[in-house]
C-alpha cells in the first residue's frame, strides 16, 4: 500500500463534504501517484480505499480529483481499472506451511 500513502492527505477532502478543495499536500501526493504508480488509482475508483478510511470516499470527489489537482492519469490506466490485471490492494497471505508428517512406526 506504500504508493497510496502519498494520497492520504486527500482523505479529509475525499470523505468530508464540508471540505470544498483538497489541500496542496493532497494534490502533490496525487500527482506523484499518477506519475509513479497510476494503477493504484484504480483502488480509489473502485472503492477499495474505503476499507482503510473511517468514512467512505465520495465517488464524485474521487472522479474530480484529477481535474482539481491538474493531474490526469494515463488513459490506458483507466481502461486497466476495469480489468482483472489490477494488483490487489493488500497482497494475499501465503498459506501456512503444512505440519510435518509424523514418521510412521511399523511393528
PDB file of N, CA and C in Angstrom:
ATOM      1  N   UNK A   1       0.818  -1.195   0.000  1.00  0.00           N
ATOM      2  CA  UNK A   1       0.000   0.000   0.000  1.00  0.00           C
ATOM      3  C   UNK A   1       0.863   1.261   0.000  1.00  0.00           C
ATOM      4  N   UNK A   2       2.161   1.136  -0.063  1.00  0.00           N
ATOM      5  CA  UNK A   2       3.053   2.283   0.030  1.00  0.00           C
ATOM      6  C   UNK A   2       2.768   3.390  -0.978  1.00  0.00           C
ATOM      7  N   UNK A   3       2.574   3.110  -2.285  1.00  0.00           N
ATOM      8  CA  UNK A   3       2.301   4.228  -3.202  1.00  0.00           C
ATOM      9  C   UNK A   3       1.045   5.011  -2.822  1.00  0.00           C
ATOM     10  N   UNK A   4       0.050   4.332  -2.283  1.00  0.00           N
ATOM     11  CA  UNK A   4      -1.192   5.020  -1.914  1.00  0.00           C
ATOM     12  C   UNK A   4      -1.023   5.940  -0.712  1.00  0.00           C
ATOM     13  N   UNK A   5       0.033   5.745   0.056  1.00  0.00           N
ATOM     14  CA  UNK A   5       0.261   6.613   1.214  1.00  0.00           C
ATOM     15  C   UNK A   5       0.436   8.067   0.774  1.00  0.00           C
ATOM     16  N   UNK A   6       0.878   8.280  -0.451  1.00  0.00           N
ATOM     17  CA  UNK A   6       1.086   9.653  -0.918  1.00  0.00           C
ATOM     18  C   UNK A   6      -0.221  10.425  -1.065  1.00  0.00           C
ATOM     19  N   UNK A   7      -1.357   9.719  -1.147  1.00  0.00           N
ATOM     20  CA  UNK A   7      -2.640  10.421  -1.267  1.00  0.00           C
ATOM     21  C   UNK A   7      -3.415  10.461   0.053  1.00  0.00           C
ATOM     22  N   UNK A   8      -2.813  10.023   1.132  1.00  0.00           N
ATOM     23  CA  UNK A   8      -3.503  10.080   2.424  1.00  0.00           C
ATOM     24  C   UNK A   8      -3.845  11.510   2.842  1.00  0.00           C
ATOM     25  N   UNK A   9      -3.074  12.546   2.447  1.00  0.00           N
ATOM     26  CA  UNK A   9      -3.506  13.910   2.759  1.00  0.00           C
ATOM     27  C   UNK A   9      -4.830  14.284   2.084  1.00  0.00           C
ATOM     28  N   UNK A  10      -5.288  13.465   1.142  1.00  0.00           N
ATOM     29  CA  UNK A  10      -6.565  13.716   0.453  1.00  0.00           C
ATOM     30  C   UNK A  10      -7.758  13.157   1.229  1.00  0.00           C
ATOM     31  N   UNK A  11      -7.512  12.358   2.257  1.00  0.00           N
ATOM     32  CA  UNK A  11      -8.589  11.640   2.941  1.00  0.00           C
ATOM     33  C   UNK A  11      -9.695  12.571   3.432  1.00  0.00           C
ATOM     34  N   UNK A  12      -9.343  13.662   4.079  1.00  0.00           N
ATOM     35  CA  UNK A  12     -10.374  14.559   4.611  1.00  0.00           C
ATOM     36  C   UNK A  12     -11.201  15.161   3.478  1.00  0.00           C
ATOM     37  N   UNK A  13     -10.541  15.573   2.411  1.00  0.00           N
ATOM     38  CA  UNK A  13     -11.254  16.131   1.255  1.00  0.00           C
ATOM     39  C   UNK A  13     -12.178  15.085   0.623  1.00  0.00           C
ATOM     40  N   UNK A  14     -11.691  13.861   0.466  1.00  0.00           N
ATOM     41  CA  UNK A  14     -12.459  12.821  -0.222  1.00  0.00           C
ATOM     42  C   UNK A  14     -13.621  12.268   0.600  1.00  0.00           C
ATOM     43  N   UNK A  15     -13.562  12.415   1.910  1.00  0.00           N
ATOM     44  CA  UNK A  15     -14.602  11.823   2.761  1.00  0.00           C
ATOM     45  C   UNK A  15     -15.501  12.839   3.447  1.00  0.00           C
ATOM     46  N   UNK A  16     -15.182  14.109   3.345  1.00  0.00           N
ATOM     47  CA  UNK A  16     -15.930  15.125   4.079  1.00  0.00           C
ATOM     48  C   UNK A  16     -16.517  16.141   3.098  1.00  0.00           C
ATOM     49  N   UNK A  17     -17.818  16.177   2.982  1.00  0.00           N
ATOM     50  CA  UNK A  17     -18.461  17.098   2.035  1.00  0.00           C
ATOM     51  C   UNK A  17     -18.258  18.564   2.416  1.00  0.00           C
ATOM     52  N   UNK A  18     -17.889  18.833   3.661  1.00  0.00           N
ATOM     53  CA  UNK A  18     -17.678  20.212   4.100  1.00  0.00           C
ATOM     54  C   UNK A  18     -16.316  20.761   3.662  1.00  0.00           C
ATOM     55  N   UNK A  19     -15.440  19.899   3.145  1.00  0.00           N
ATOM     56  CA  UNK A  19     -14.123  20.347   2.683  1.00  0.00           C
ATOM     57  C   UNK A  19     -14.223  20.570   1.175  1.00  0.00           C
ATOM     58  N   UNK A  20     -14.248  21.844   0.743  1.00  0.00           N
ATOM     59  CA  UNK A  20     -14.529  22.137  -0.671  1.00  0.00           C
ATOM     60  C   UNK A  20     -13.372  21.898  -1.640  1.00  0.00           C
ATOM     61  N   UNK A  21     -12.132  22.018  -1.158  1.00  0.00           N
ATOM     62  CA  UNK A  21     -10.981  21.832  -2.046  1.00  0.00           C
ATOM     63  C   UNK A  21      -9.918  21.002  -1.335  1.00  0.00           C
ATOM     64  N   UNK A  22      -9.143  20.250  -2.091  1.00  0.00           N
ATOM     65  CA  UNK A  22      -8.084  19.458  -1.460  1.00  0.00           C
ATOM     66  C   UNK A  22      -6.909  20.349  -1.068  1.00  0.00           C
ATOM     67  N   UNK A  23      -6.196  19.991  -0.005  1.00  0.00           N
ATOM     68  CA  UNK A  23      -5.007  20.767   0.359  1.00  0.00           C
ATOM     69  C   UNK A  23      -3.895  20.537  -0.666  1.00  0.00           C
ATOM     70  N   UNK A  24      -2.934  21.421  -0.687  1.00  0.00           N
ATOM     71  CA  UNK A  24      -1.810  21.311  -1.630  1.00  0.00           C
ATOM     72  C   UNK A  24      -1.072  19.988  -1.458  1.00  0.00           C
ATOM     73  N   UNK A  25      -0.945  19.512  -0.217  1.00  0.00           N
ATOM     74  CA  UNK A  25      -0.244  18.243   0.012  1.00  0.00           C
ATOM     75  C   UNK A  25      -0.984  17.079  -0.640  1.00  0.00           C
ATOM     76  N   UNK A  26      -2.299  17.174  -0.714  1.00  0.00           N
ATOM     77  CA  UNK A  26      -3.100  16.155  -1.389  1.00  0.00           C
ATOM     78  C   UNK A  26      -2.747  16.130  -2.870  1.00  0.00           C
ATOM     79  N   UNK A  27      -2.787  17.282  -3.505  1.00  0.00           N
ATOM     80  CA  UNK A  27      -2.506  17.346  -4.945  1.00  0.00           C
ATOM     81  C   UNK A  27      -1.066  16.957  -5.249  1.00  0.00           C
ATOM     82  N   UNK A  28      -0.134  17.326  -4.379  1.00  0.00           N
ATOM     83  CA  UNK A  28       1.261  16.919  -4.578  1.00  0.00           C
ATOM     84  C   UNK A  28       1.361  15.392  -4.565  1.00  0.00           C
ATOM     85  N   UNK A  29       0.721  14.772  -3.583  1.00  0.00           N
ATOM     86  CA  UNK A  29       0.740  13.316  -3.481  1.00  0.00           C
ATOM     87  C   UNK A  29       0.011  12.652  -4.634  1.00  0.00           C
ATOM     88  N   UNK A  30      -1.097  13.244  -5.055  1.00  0.00           N
ATOM     89  CA  UNK A  30      -1.864  12.688  -6.166  1.00  0.00           C
ATOM     90  C   UNK A  30      -1.041  12.736  -7.455  1.00  0.00           C
ATOM     91  N   UNK A  31      -0.394  13.862  -7.709  1.00  0.00           N
ATOM     92  CA  UNK A  31       0.448  13.974  -8.906  1.00  0.00           C
ATOM     93  C   UNK A  31       1.598  12.962  -8.865  1.00  0.00           C
ATOM     94  N   UNK A  32       2.152  12.759  -7.689  1.00  0.00           N
ATOM     95  CA  UNK A  32       3.220  11.775  -7.534  1.00  0.00           C
ATOM     96  C   UNK A  32       2.707  10.367  -7.852  1.00  0.00           C
ATOM     97  N   UNK A  33       1.532  10.041  -7.354  1.00  0.00           N
ATOM     98  CA  UNK A  33       0.951   8.723  -7.604  1.00  0.00           C
ATOM     99  C   UNK A  33       0.660   8.527  -9.089  1.00  0.00           C
ATOM    100  N   UNK A  34       0.133   9.547  -9.736  1.00  0.00           N
ATOM    101  CA  UNK A  34      -0.161   9.460 -11.173  1.00  0.00           C
ATOM    102  C   UNK A  34       1.122   9.197 -11.964  1.00  0.00           C
ATOM    103  N   UNK A  35       2.229   9.813 -11.552  1.00  0.00           N
ATOM    104  CA  UNK A  35       3.468   9.644 -12.316  1.00  0.00           C
ATOM    105  C   UNK A  35       4.231   8.372 -11.955  1.00  0.00           C
ATOM    106  N   UNK A  36       4.093   7.869 -10.732  1.00  0.00           N
ATOM    107  CA  UNK A  36       4.899   6.709 -10.326  1.00  0.00           C
ATOM    108  C   UNK A  36       4.139   5.391 -10.287  1.00  0.00           C
ATOM    109  N   UNK A  37       2.868   5.404  -9.936  1.00  0.00           N
ATOM    110  CA  UNK A  37       2.101   4.154  -9.796  1.00  0.00           C
ATOM    111  C   UNK A  37       0.632   4.382 -10.133  1.00  0.00           C
ATOM    112  N   UNK A  38       0.339   4.786 -11.370  1.00  0.00           N
ATOM    113  CA  UNK A  38      -1.046   5.136 -11.706  1.00  0.00           C
ATOM    114  C   UNK A  38      -2.047   3.999 -11.538  1.00  0.00           C
ATOM    115  N   UNK A  39      -1.598   2.752 -11.641  1.00  0.00           N
ATOM    116  CA  UNK A  39      -2.528   1.626 -11.488  1.00  0.00           C
ATOM    117  C   UNK A  39      -3.156   1.635 -10.090  1.00  0.00           C
ATOM    118  N   UNK A  40      -2.471   2.209  -9.117  1.00  0.00           N
ATOM    119  CA  UNK A  40      -3.008   2.276  -7.753  1.00  0.00           C
ATOM    120  C   UNK A  40      -4.251   3.157  -7.675  1.00  0.00           C
ATOM    121  N   UNK A  41      -4.432   4.048  -8.640  1.00  0.00           N
ATOM    122  CA  UNK A  41      -5.630   4.892  -8.650  1.00  0.00           C
ATOM    123  C   UNK A  41      -6.898   4.060  -8.784  1.00  0.00           C
ATOM    124  N   UNK A  42      -6.774   2.879  -9.365  1.00  0.00           N
ATOM    125  CA  UNK A  42      -7.945   2.009  -9.530  1.00  0.00           C
ATOM    126  C   UNK A  42      -8.582   1.697  -8.179  1.00  0.00           C
ATOM    127  N   UNK A  43      -7.768   1.588  -7.143  1.00  0.00           N
ATOM    128  CA  UNK A  43      -8.305   1.285  -5.817  1.00  0.00           C
ATOM    129  C   UNK A  43      -9.137   2.440  -5.267  1.00  0.00           C
ATOM    130  N   UNK A  44      -8.828   3.643  -5.687  1.00  0.00           N
ATOM    131  CA  UNK A  44      -9.659   4.782  -5.305  1.00  0.00           C
ATOM    132  C   UNK A  44     -10.958   4.799  -6.085  1.00  0.00           C
ATOM    133  N   UNK A  45     -10.874   4.444  -7.354  1.00  0.00           N
ATOM    134  CA  UNK A  45     -12.069   4.471  -8.201  1.00  0.00           C
ATOM    135  C   UNK A  45     -13.032   3.325  -7.917  1.00  0.00           C
ATOM    136  N   UNK A  46     -12.504   2.174  -7.502  1.00  0.00           N
ATOM    137  CA  UNK A  46     -13.398   1.036  -7.277  1.00  0.00           C
ATOM    138  C   UNK A  46     -13.853   0.887  -5.828  1.00  0.00           C
ATOM    139  N   UNK A  47     -13.439   1.798  -4.955  1.00  0.00           N
ATOM    140  CA  UNK A  47     -13.928   1.786  -3.580  1.00  0.00           C
ATOM    141  C   UNK A  47     -13.081   1.019  -2.587  1.00  0.00           C
ATOM    142  N   UNK A  48     -11.967   0.421  -3.031  1.00  0.00           N
ATOM    143  CA  UNK A  48     -11.125  -0.342  -2.108  1.00  0.00           C
ATOM    144  C   UNK A  48     -10.578   0.509  -0.965  1.00  0.00           C
ATOM    145  N   UNK A  49     -10.361   1.798  -1.216  1.00  0.00           N
ATOM    146  CA  UNK A  49      -9.812   2.666  -0.161  1.00  0.00           C
ATOM    147  C   UNK A  49     -10.742   2.784   1.036  1.00  0.00           C
ATOM    148  N   UNK A  50     -12.018   2.543   0.834  1.00  0.00           N
ATOM    149  CA  UNK A  50     -12.979   2.678   1.929  1.00  0.00           C
ATOM    150  C   UNK A  50     -12.651   1.765   3.104  1.00  0.00           C
ATOM    151  N   UNK A  51     -11.969   0.657   2.847  1.00  0.00           N
ATOM    152  CA  UNK A  51     -11.642  -0.251   3.942  1.00  0.00           C
ATOM    153  C   UNK A  51     -10.548   0.316   4.851  1.00  0.00           C
ATOM    154  N   UNK A  52      -9.880   1.388   4.426  1.00  0.00           N
ATOM    155  CA  UNK A  52      -8.811   1.980   5.229  1.00  0.00           C
ATOM    156  C   UNK A  52      -9.161   3.345   5.799  1.00  0.00           C
ATOM    157  N   UNK A  53     -10.339   3.842   5.477  1.00  0.00           N
ATOM    158  CA  UNK A  53     -10.736   5.177   5.930  1.00  0.00           C
ATOM    159  C   UNK A  53     -11.928   5.084   6.876  1.00  0.00           C
ATOM    160  N   UNK A  54     -12.056   6.042   7.793  1.00  0.00           N
ATOM    161  CA  UNK A  54     -13.154   5.990   8.769  1.00  0.00           C
ATOM    162  C   UNK A  54     -14.532   6.198   8.138  1.00  0.00           C
ATOM    163  N   UNK A  55     -14.607   6.934   7.039  1.00  0.00           N
ATOM    164  CA  UNK A  55     -15.878   7.141   6.335  1.00  0.00           C
ATOM    165  C   UNK A  55     -15.637   6.905   4.847  1.00  0.00           C
ATOM    166  N   UNK A  56     -16.676   6.538   4.108  1.00  0.00           N
ATOM    167  CA  UNK A  56     -16.489   6.232   2.689  1.00  0.00           C
ATOM    168  C   UNK A  56     -16.061   7.442   1.859  1.00  0.00           C
ATOM    169  N   UNK A  57     -15.316   7.149   0.807  1.00  0.00           N
ATOM    170  CA  UNK A  57     -14.888   8.169  -0.153  1.00  0.00           C
ATOM    171  C   UNK A  57     -16.103   8.607  -0.962  1.00  0.00           C
ATOM    172  N   UNK A  58     -16.224   9.911  -1.175  1.00  0.00           N
ATOM    173  CA  UNK A  58     -17.269  10.451  -2.038  1.00  0.00           C
ATOM    174  C   UNK A  58     -16.833  10.164  -3.480  1.00  0.00           C
ATOM    175  N   UNK A  59     -17.562   9.298  -4.207  1.00  0.00           N
ATOM    176  CA  UNK A  59     -17.119   8.921  -5.552  1.00  0.00           C
ATOM    177  C   UNK A  59     -16.988  10.111  -6.504  1.00  0.00           C
ATOM    178  N   UNK A  60     -17.835  11.105  -6.361  1.00  0.00           N
ATOM    179  CA  UNK A  60     -17.752  12.274  -7.242  1.00  0.00           C
ATOM    180  C   UNK A  60     -16.451  13.040  -6.996  1.00  0.00           C
ATOM    181  N   UNK A  61     -16.078  13.212  -5.722  1.00  0.00           N
ATOM    182  CA  UNK A  61     -14.827  13.910  -5.421  1.00  0.00           C
ATOM    183  C   UNK A  61     -13.631  13.104  -5.928  1.00  0.00           C
ATOM    184  N   UNK A  62     -13.720  11.781  -5.834  1.00  0.00           N
ATOM    185  CA  UNK A  62     -12.630  10.942  -6.334  1.00  0.00           C
ATOM    186  C   UNK A  62     -12.475  11.111  -7.839  1.00  0.00           C
ATOM    187  N   UNK A  63     -13.597  11.174  -8.548  1.00  0.00           N
ATOM    188  CA  UNK A  63     -13.547  11.325 -10.004  1.00  0.00           C
ATOM    189  C   UNK A  63     -13.069  12.725 -10.415  1.00  0.00           C
ATOM    190  N   UNK A  64     -13.337  13.729  -9.576  1.00  0.00           N
ATOM    191  CA  UNK A  64     -12.923  15.098  -9.892  1.00  0.00           C
ATOM    192  C   UNK A  64     -11.491  15.417  -9.456  1.00  0.00           C
ATOM    193  N   UNK A  65     -10.915  14.571  -8.622  1.00  0.00           N
ATOM    194  CA  UNK A  65      -9.573  14.847  -8.094  1.00  0.00           C
ATOM    195  C   UNK A  65      -8.529  15.061  -9.199  1.00  0.00           C
ATOM    196  N   UNK A  66      -8.513  14.269 -10.275  1.00  0.00           N
ATOM    197  CA  UNK A  66      -7.522  14.542 -11.333  1.00  0.00           C
ATOM    198  C   UNK A  66      -7.670  15.939 -11.935  1.00  0.00           C
ATOM    199  N   UNK A  67      -8.895  16.398 -12.111  1.00  0.00           N
ATOM    200  CA  UNK A  67      -9.122  17.734 -12.674  1.00  0.00           C
ATOM    201  C   UNK A  67      -8.738  18.801 -11.654  1.00  0.00           C
ATOM    202  N   UNK A  68      -9.181  18.606 -10.411  1.00  0.00           N
ATOM    203  CA  UNK A  68      -8.908  19.566  -9.344  1.00  0.00           C
ATOM    204  C   UNK A  68      -7.409  19.736  -9.120  1.00  0.00           C
ATOM    205  N   UNK A  69      -6.670  18.623  -9.197  1.00  0.00           N
ATOM    206  CA  UNK A  69      -5.225  18.674  -8.949  1.00  0.00           C
ATOM    207  C   UNK A  69      -4.407  18.866 -10.221  1.00  0.00           C
ATOM    208  N   UNK A  70      -5.054  18.859 -11.370  1.00  0.00           N
ATOM    209  CA  UNK A  70      -4.334  19.048 -12.624  1.00  0.00           C
ATOM    210  C   UNK A  70      -3.400  17.906 -12.964  1.00  0.00           C
ATOM    211  N   UNK A  71      -3.836  16.688 -12.707  1.00  0.00           N
ATOM    212  CA  UNK A  71      -3.003  15.512 -12.991  1.00  0.00           C
ATOM    213  C   UNK A  71      -3.882  14.394 -13.535  1.00  0.00           C
ATOM    214  N   UNK A  72      -3.989  14.327 -14.841  1.00  0.00           N
ATOM    215  CA  UNK A  72      -4.822  13.299 -15.453  1.00  0.00           C
ATOM    216  C   UNK A  72      -4.048  11.991 -15.566  1.00  0.00           C
ATOM    217  N   UNK A  73      -4.640  10.893 -15.088  1.00  0.00           N
ATOM    218  CA  UNK A  73      -3.971   9.597 -15.233  1.00  0.00           C
ATOM    219  C   UNK A  73      -3.940   9.186 -16.706  1.00  0.00           C
ATOM    220  N   UNK A  74      -2.974   8.360 -17.080  1.00  0.00           N
ATOM    221  CA  UNK A  74      -2.923   7.882 -18.462  1.00  0.00           C
ATOM    222  C   UNK A  74      -4.207   7.133 -18.822  1.00  0.00           C
ATOM    223  N   UNK A  75      -4.662   7.300 -20.041  1.00  0.00           N
ATOM    224  CA  UNK A  75      -5.898   6.675 -20.493  1.00  0.00           C
ATOM    225  C   UNK A  75      -5.847   5.155 -20.352  1.00  0.00           C
ATOM    226  N   UNK A  76      -4.693   4.544 -20.632  1.00  0.00           N
ATOM    227  CA  UNK A  76      -4.605   3.088 -20.515  1.00  0.00           C
ATOM    228  C   UNK A  76      -4.802   2.632 -19.075  1.00  0.00           C
ATOM    229  N   UNK A  77      -4.451   3.467 -18.103  1.00  0.00           N
ATOM    230  CA  UNK A  77      -4.685   3.115 -16.703  1.00  0.00           C
ATOM    231  C   UNK A  77      -6.177   3.030 -16.427  1.00  0.00           C
ATOM    232  N   UNK A  78      -6.931   3.976 -16.945  1.00  0.00           N
ATOM    233  CA  UNK A  78      -8.378   3.956 -16.725  1.00  0.00           C
ATOM    234  C   UNK A  78      -9.000   2.698 -17.321  1.00  0.00           C
ATOM    235  N   UNK A  79      -8.509   2.258 -18.471  1.00  0.00           N
ATOM    236  CA  UNK A  79      -9.008   1.015 -19.059  1.00  0.00           C
ATOM    237  C   UNK A  79      -8.620  -0.184 -18.203  1.00  0.00           C
ATOM    238  N   UNK A  80      -7.412  -0.160 -17.647  1.00  0.00           N
ATOM    239  CA  UNK A  80      -6.948  -1.277 -16.819  1.00  0.00           C
ATOM    240  C   UNK A  80      -7.752  -1.405 -15.533  1.00  0.00           C
ATOM    241  N   UNK A  81      -8.340  -0.312 -15.070  1.00  0.00           N
ATOM    242  CA  UNK A  81      -9.116  -0.364 -13.827  1.00  0.00           C
ATOM    243  C   UNK A  81     -10.313  -1.304 -13.932  1.00  0.00           C
ATOM    244  N   UNK A  82     -10.779  -1.557 -15.129  1.00  0.00           N
ATOM    245  CA  UNK A  82     -11.919  -2.457 -15.283  1.00  0.00           C
ATOM    246  C   UNK A  82     -11.481  -3.861 -15.682  1.00  0.00           C
ATOM    247  N   UNK A  83     -10.200  -4.136 -15.584  1.00  0.00           N
ATOM    248  CA  UNK A  83      -9.703  -5.459 -15.953  1.00  0.00           C
ATOM    249  C   UNK A  83      -9.194  -6.194 -14.715  1.00  0.00           C
ATOM    250  N   UNK A  84      -9.027  -7.500 -14.836  1.00  0.00           N
ATOM    251  CA  UNK A  84      -8.515  -8.263 -13.688  1.00  0.00           C
ATOM    252  C   UNK A  84      -7.022  -8.071 -13.441  1.00  0.00           C
ATOM    253  N   UNK A  85      -6.349  -7.238 -14.234  1.00  0.00           N
ATOM    254  CA  UNK A  85      -4.904  -7.066 -14.066  1.00  0.00           C
ATOM    255  C   UNK A  85      -4.521  -6.079 -12.966  1.00  0.00           C
ATOM    256  N   UNK A  86      -5.499  -5.529 -12.259  1.00  0.00           N
ATOM    257  CA  UNK A  86      -5.198  -4.607 -11.163  1.00  0.00           C
ATOM    258  C   UNK A  86      -4.665  -5.426  -9.986  1.00  0.00           C
ATOM    259  N   UNK A  87      -3.469  -5.102  -9.507  1.00  0.00           N
ATOM    260  CA  UNK A  87      -2.937  -5.855  -8.369  1.00  0.00           C
ATOM    261  C   UNK A  87      -3.797  -5.613  -7.130  1.00  0.00           C
ATOM    262  N   UNK A  88      -3.843  -6.593  -6.228  1.00  0.00           N
ATOM    263  CA  UNK A  88      -4.666  -6.412  -5.025  1.00  0.00           C
ATOM    264  C   UNK A  88      -4.134  -5.276  -4.159  1.00  0.00           C
ATOM    265  N   UNK A  89      -5.040  -4.643  -3.437  1.00  0.00           N
ATOM    266  CA  UNK A  89      -4.657  -3.555  -2.538  1.00  0.00           C
ATOM    267  C   UNK A  89      -3.742  -4.080  -1.442  1.00  0.00           C
ATOM    268  N   UNK A  90      -4.098  -5.228  -0.899  1.00  0.00           N
ATOM    269  CA  UNK A  90      -3.293  -5.891   0.120  1.00  0.00           C
ATOM    270  C   UNK A  90      -2.922  -7.255  -0.442  1.00  0.00           C
ATOM    271  N   UNK A  91      -1.632  -7.561  -0.550  1.00  0.00           N
ATOM    272  CA  UNK A  91      -1.247  -8.855  -1.108  1.00  0.00           C
ATOM    273  C   UNK A  91      -1.855 -10.002  -0.300  1.00  0.00           C
ATOM    274  N   UNK A  92      -2.269 -11.068  -0.978  1.00  0.00           N
ATOM    275  CA  UNK A  92      -2.835 -12.201  -0.250  1.00  0.00           C
ATOM    276  C   UNK A  92      -1.778 -12.840   0.633  1.00  0.00           C
ATOM    277  N   UNK A  93      -2.238 -13.345   1.734  1.00  0.00           N
ATOM    278  CA  UNK A  93      -1.312 -14.032   2.643  1.00  0.00           C
ATOM    279  C   UNK A  93      -0.948 -15.373   2.034  1.00  0.00           C
ATOM    280  N   UNK A  94       0.299 -15.762   2.236  1.00  0.00           N
ATOM    281  CA  UNK A  94       0.697 -17.075   1.737  1.00  0.00           C
ATOM    282  C   UNK A  94       0.143 -18.125   2.692  1.00  0.00           C
ATOM    283  N   UNK A  95      -0.266 -19.270   2.151  1.00  0.00           N
ATOM    284  CA  UNK A  95      -0.837 -20.294   3.023  1.00  0.00           C
ATOM    285  C   UNK A  95       0.210 -20.793   4.003  1.00  0.00           C
ATOM    286  N   UNK A  96      -0.256 -21.155   5.170  1.00  0.00           N
ATOM    287  CA  UNK A  96       0.645 -21.669   6.197  1.00  0.00           C
ATOM    288  C   UNK A  96       1.222 -22.995   5.721  1.00  0.00           C
ATOM    289  N   UNK A  97       2.462 -23.221   6.061  1.00  0.00           N
ATOM    290  CA  UNK A  97       3.106 -24.479   5.677  1.00  0.00           C
ATOM    291  C   UNK A  97       2.441 -25.622   6.429  1.00  0.00           C
ATOM    292  N   UNK A  98       2.217 -26.739   5.746  1.00  0.00           N
ATOM    293  CA  UNK A  98       1.596 -27.869   6.441  1.00  0.00           C
ATOM    294  C   UNK A  98       2.534 -28.410   7.511  1.00  0.00           C
ATOM    295  N   UNK A  99       1.946 -28.943   8.555  1.00  0.00           N
ATOM    296  CA  UNK A  99       2.734 -29.523   9.639  1.00  0.00           C
ATOM    297  C   UNK A  99       3.461 -30.746   9.095  1.00  0.00           C
ATOM    298  N   UNK A 100       4.688 -30.957   9.544  1.00  0.00           N
ATOM    299  CA  UNK A 100       5.416 -32.130   9.050  1.00  0.00           C
ATOM    300  C   UNK A 100       4.683 -33.406   9.453  1.00  0.00           C
ATOM    301  N   UNK A 101       4.685 -34.339   8.543  1.00  0.00           N
ATOM    302  CA  UNK A 101       4.026 -35.623   8.828  1.00  0.00           C
ATOM    303  C   UNK A 101       4.844 -36.366   9.866  1.00  0.00           C
ATOM    304  N   UNK A 102       4.152 -36.982  10.803  1.00  0.00           N
ATOM    305  CA  UNK A 102       4.873 -37.746  11.816  1.00  0.00           C
ATOM    306  C   UNK A 102       5.331 -39.056  11.183  1.00  0.00           C
ATOM    307  N   UNK A 103       6.509 -39.475  11.536  1.00  0.00           N
ATOM    308  CA  UNK A 103       7.021 -40.715  10.935  1.00  0.00           C
ATOM    309  C   UNK A 103       6.121 -41.891  11.308  1.00  0.00           C
ATOM    310  N   UNK A 104       5.899 -42.739  10.338  1.00  0.00           N
ATOM    311  CA  UNK A 104       5.061 -43.909  10.635  1.00  0.00           C
ATOM    312  C   UNK A 104       5.930 -44.968  11.292  1.00  0.00           C
ATOM    313  N   UNK A 105       5.376 -45.583  12.276  1.00  0.00           N
ATOM    314  CA  UNK A 105       6.092 -46.621  13.021  1.00  0.00           C
ATOM    315  C   UNK A 105       5.504 -47.956  12.599  1.00  0.00           C
ATOM    316  N   UNK A 106       6.351 -48.847  12.132  1.00  0.00           N
ATOM    317  CA  UNK A 106       5.887 -50.183  11.741  1.00  0.00           C
ATOM    318  C   UNK A 106       6.256 -51.169  12.829  1.00  0.00           C
ATOM    319  N   UNK A 107       5.372 -52.109  13.122  1.00  0.00           N
ATOM    320  CA  UNK A 107       5.719 -53.114  14.155  1.00  0.00           C
ATOM    321  C   UNK A 107       6.699 -54.112  13.654  1.00  0.00           C
TER     322      UNK A 107
END
